[in-house]
N, C-alpha and C. Protein backbone atom coordinates (compact mmCIF):
# COMPACT_ATOMS: atom_id res chain seq x y z
N MET A 1 37.32 -31.94 44.27
CA MET A 1 37.77 -31.26 45.46
C MET A 1 37.42 -32.10 46.67
N SER A 2 38.39 -32.38 47.49
CA SER A 2 38.17 -33.17 48.69
C SER A 2 37.94 -32.27 49.89
N LEU A 3 36.99 -32.63 50.69
CA LEU A 3 36.74 -31.93 51.93
C LEU A 3 37.60 -32.60 53.00
N LEU A 4 38.37 -31.80 53.72
CA LEU A 4 39.31 -32.38 54.68
C LEU A 4 38.86 -32.14 56.10
N LYS A 5 39.16 -33.09 56.95
CA LYS A 5 38.85 -32.99 58.37
C LYS A 5 40.10 -33.42 59.10
N GLY A 6 40.77 -32.49 59.74
CA GLY A 6 41.98 -32.82 60.47
C GLY A 6 43.08 -33.35 59.57
N GLY A 7 43.11 -32.91 58.31
CA GLY A 7 44.13 -33.37 57.38
C GLY A 7 43.75 -34.63 56.63
N PHE A 8 42.67 -35.28 56.99
CA PHE A 8 42.23 -36.51 56.33
C PHE A 8 40.86 -36.28 55.71
N MET A 9 40.65 -36.88 54.58
CA MET A 9 39.37 -36.76 53.90
C MET A 9 38.29 -37.46 54.72
N ASP A 10 37.20 -36.79 54.92
CA ASP A 10 36.03 -37.39 55.57
C ASP A 10 35.11 -37.87 54.45
N ILE A 11 35.20 -39.15 54.12
CA ILE A 11 34.46 -39.69 52.98
C ILE A 11 32.95 -39.54 53.17
N TYR A 12 32.48 -39.57 54.40
CA TYR A 12 31.04 -39.45 54.61
C TYR A 12 30.56 -38.02 54.36
N LEU A 13 31.41 -37.04 54.61
CA LEU A 13 31.09 -35.67 54.25
C LEU A 13 31.10 -35.52 52.73
N GLU A 14 32.06 -36.18 52.08
CA GLU A 14 32.10 -36.20 50.62
C GLU A 14 30.82 -36.82 50.04
N LEU A 15 30.41 -37.95 50.59
CA LEU A 15 29.19 -38.62 50.11
C LEU A 15 27.96 -37.76 50.32
N LYS A 16 27.88 -37.13 51.48
CA LYS A 16 26.74 -36.26 51.78
C LYS A 16 26.70 -35.08 50.81
N THR A 17 27.85 -34.51 50.52
CA THR A 17 27.92 -33.40 49.58
C THR A 17 27.54 -33.85 48.17
N GLU A 18 28.03 -34.98 47.75
CA GLU A 18 27.76 -35.49 46.40
C GLU A 18 26.29 -35.83 46.19
N PHE A 19 25.68 -36.50 47.16
CA PHE A 19 24.32 -37.00 46.98
C PHE A 19 23.25 -36.16 47.67
N GLY A 20 23.66 -35.13 48.38
CA GLY A 20 22.69 -34.26 49.06
C GLY A 20 22.40 -34.70 50.47
N SER A 21 22.44 -35.98 50.70
CA SER A 21 22.25 -36.54 52.05
C SER A 21 22.64 -38.01 52.02
N LEU A 22 22.94 -38.53 53.18
CA LEU A 22 23.23 -39.96 53.26
C LEU A 22 21.95 -40.77 53.07
N TYR A 23 20.82 -40.17 53.41
CA TYR A 23 19.54 -40.82 53.16
C TYR A 23 19.33 -41.04 51.66
N ARG A 24 19.66 -40.02 50.85
CA ARG A 24 19.50 -40.14 49.39
C ARG A 24 20.42 -41.21 48.84
N LEU A 25 21.65 -41.25 49.33
CA LEU A 25 22.58 -42.31 48.90
C LEU A 25 22.00 -43.68 49.24
N ALA A 26 21.48 -43.83 50.44
CA ALA A 26 20.88 -45.10 50.84
C ALA A 26 19.74 -45.48 49.90
N GLN A 27 18.90 -44.52 49.55
CA GLN A 27 17.80 -44.78 48.61
C GLN A 27 18.33 -45.28 47.27
N LEU A 28 19.35 -44.61 46.75
CA LEU A 28 19.92 -44.99 45.45
C LEU A 28 20.53 -46.38 45.47
N LEU A 29 21.03 -46.79 46.62
CA LEU A 29 21.64 -48.11 46.76
C LEU A 29 20.62 -49.19 47.17
N GLY A 30 19.38 -48.76 47.45
CA GLY A 30 18.36 -49.71 47.89
C GLY A 30 18.57 -50.17 49.32
N LEU A 31 19.12 -49.28 50.15
CA LEU A 31 19.42 -49.60 51.54
C LEU A 31 18.65 -48.67 52.47
N ARG A 32 18.66 -49.02 53.74
CA ARG A 32 18.12 -48.12 54.75
C ARG A 32 19.23 -47.16 55.17
N GLU A 33 18.84 -45.98 55.57
CA GLU A 33 19.82 -44.98 56.00
C GLU A 33 20.69 -45.49 57.15
N THR A 34 20.11 -46.32 58.00
CA THR A 34 20.88 -46.85 59.13
C THR A 34 22.08 -47.67 58.66
N ALA A 35 21.98 -48.29 57.49
CA ALA A 35 23.10 -49.06 56.96
C ALA A 35 24.30 -48.15 56.71
N ILE A 36 24.05 -46.97 56.17
CA ILE A 36 25.13 -46.02 55.90
C ILE A 36 25.79 -45.60 57.21
N TYR A 37 24.99 -45.36 58.23
CA TYR A 37 25.55 -44.97 59.52
C TYR A 37 26.31 -46.12 60.18
N GLN A 38 25.92 -47.34 59.90
CA GLN A 38 26.70 -48.48 60.38
C GLN A 38 28.06 -48.53 59.71
N TRP A 39 28.12 -48.21 58.40
CA TRP A 39 29.41 -48.15 57.72
C TRP A 39 30.28 -47.11 58.39
N LYS A 40 29.68 -45.97 58.69
CA LYS A 40 30.42 -44.86 59.29
C LYS A 40 30.99 -45.29 60.64
N ALA A 41 30.21 -46.01 61.42
CA ALA A 41 30.67 -46.48 62.72
C ALA A 41 31.83 -47.46 62.58
N ARG A 42 31.80 -48.26 61.51
CA ARG A 42 32.88 -49.23 61.28
C ARG A 42 34.04 -48.61 60.51
N THR A 43 33.84 -47.41 60.00
CA THR A 43 34.81 -46.62 59.24
C THR A 43 35.10 -47.14 57.84
N ASN A 44 34.41 -48.14 57.36
CA ASN A 44 34.65 -48.65 56.00
C ASN A 44 33.36 -48.79 55.21
N VAL A 45 33.42 -48.35 53.97
CA VAL A 45 32.33 -48.61 53.03
C VAL A 45 32.52 -50.05 52.55
N PRO A 46 31.49 -50.88 52.62
CA PRO A 46 31.63 -52.27 52.16
C PRO A 46 32.04 -52.33 50.69
N ILE A 47 32.95 -53.22 50.39
CA ILE A 47 33.48 -53.39 49.02
C ILE A 47 32.35 -53.56 48.01
N LYS A 48 31.30 -54.29 48.38
CA LYS A 48 30.23 -54.58 47.41
C LYS A 48 29.48 -53.33 46.95
N HIS A 49 29.63 -52.20 47.65
CA HIS A 49 28.93 -50.97 47.25
C HIS A 49 29.85 -49.95 46.58
N VAL A 50 31.13 -50.20 46.59
CA VAL A 50 32.11 -49.22 46.10
C VAL A 50 31.90 -48.88 44.62
N ARG A 51 31.79 -49.87 43.78
CA ARG A 51 31.62 -49.60 42.34
C ARG A 51 30.34 -48.86 42.04
N LYS A 52 29.26 -49.23 42.70
CA LYS A 52 27.98 -48.56 42.46
C LYS A 52 28.05 -47.10 42.87
N ILE A 53 28.68 -46.80 43.99
CA ILE A 53 28.82 -45.41 44.43
C ILE A 53 29.66 -44.63 43.43
N GLU A 54 30.73 -45.25 42.95
CA GLU A 54 31.57 -44.60 41.95
C GLU A 54 30.75 -44.30 40.68
N GLU A 55 29.92 -45.25 40.26
CA GLU A 55 29.07 -45.05 39.08
C GLU A 55 28.03 -43.96 39.31
N LEU A 56 27.36 -44.01 40.46
CA LEU A 56 26.32 -43.03 40.77
C LEU A 56 26.88 -41.60 40.83
N SER A 57 28.13 -41.47 41.22
CA SER A 57 28.75 -40.14 41.31
C SER A 57 29.44 -39.73 40.01
N ASN A 58 29.30 -40.55 38.98
CA ASN A 58 29.98 -40.30 37.70
C ASN A 58 31.49 -40.14 37.88
N GLY A 59 32.03 -40.94 38.79
CA GLY A 59 33.47 -40.96 39.00
C GLY A 59 34.02 -39.87 39.90
N ARG A 60 33.16 -39.01 40.42
CA ARG A 60 33.64 -37.95 41.32
C ARG A 60 34.06 -38.53 42.67
N ILE A 61 33.38 -39.58 43.11
CA ILE A 61 33.77 -40.33 44.31
C ILE A 61 34.38 -41.62 43.78
N THR A 62 35.67 -41.80 43.98
CA THR A 62 36.37 -42.94 43.40
C THR A 62 36.50 -44.10 44.38
N ARG A 63 36.81 -45.26 43.82
CA ARG A 63 37.09 -46.45 44.65
C ARG A 63 38.21 -46.16 45.63
N LYS A 64 39.22 -45.48 45.14
CA LYS A 64 40.38 -45.17 45.99
C LYS A 64 39.98 -44.27 47.16
N MET A 65 39.07 -43.33 46.92
CA MET A 65 38.59 -42.47 47.99
C MET A 65 37.78 -43.26 49.01
N LEU A 66 36.96 -44.17 48.50
CA LEU A 66 36.08 -44.95 49.37
C LEU A 66 36.84 -46.00 50.18
N ARG A 67 37.80 -46.66 49.56
CA ARG A 67 38.54 -47.74 50.22
C ARG A 67 40.03 -47.68 49.86
N PRO A 68 40.75 -46.69 50.39
CA PRO A 68 42.18 -46.59 50.09
C PRO A 68 42.97 -47.80 50.58
N ASP A 69 42.43 -48.53 51.55
CA ASP A 69 43.10 -49.73 52.06
C ASP A 69 43.11 -50.84 51.02
N VAL A 70 42.14 -50.83 50.10
CA VAL A 70 42.03 -51.85 49.07
C VAL A 70 42.53 -51.34 47.73
N TYR A 71 42.12 -50.10 47.37
CA TYR A 71 42.42 -49.57 46.04
C TYR A 71 43.52 -48.51 46.04
N GLY A 72 44.20 -48.33 47.16
CA GLY A 72 45.26 -47.32 47.25
C GLY A 72 46.45 -47.67 46.40
N ASP A 73 47.43 -46.80 46.43
CA ASP A 73 48.65 -46.99 45.61
C ASP A 73 49.36 -48.27 45.86
């Protein structure tokens, strides 16, 4: 189920829902929480973290959801 904001998926809300907090996601990735907020400011999850996030979510958060510009149709 995708959470929508203004008709568009808010991937950071999805990530927060999946992992409980962006801080927890940062911990799982071995990053500081500020790194996640920097992604949010730039509007893109770095490609190098996409597969790991997909794995950590057991496929509930997909590459296509994280980076539709790269993995879209």
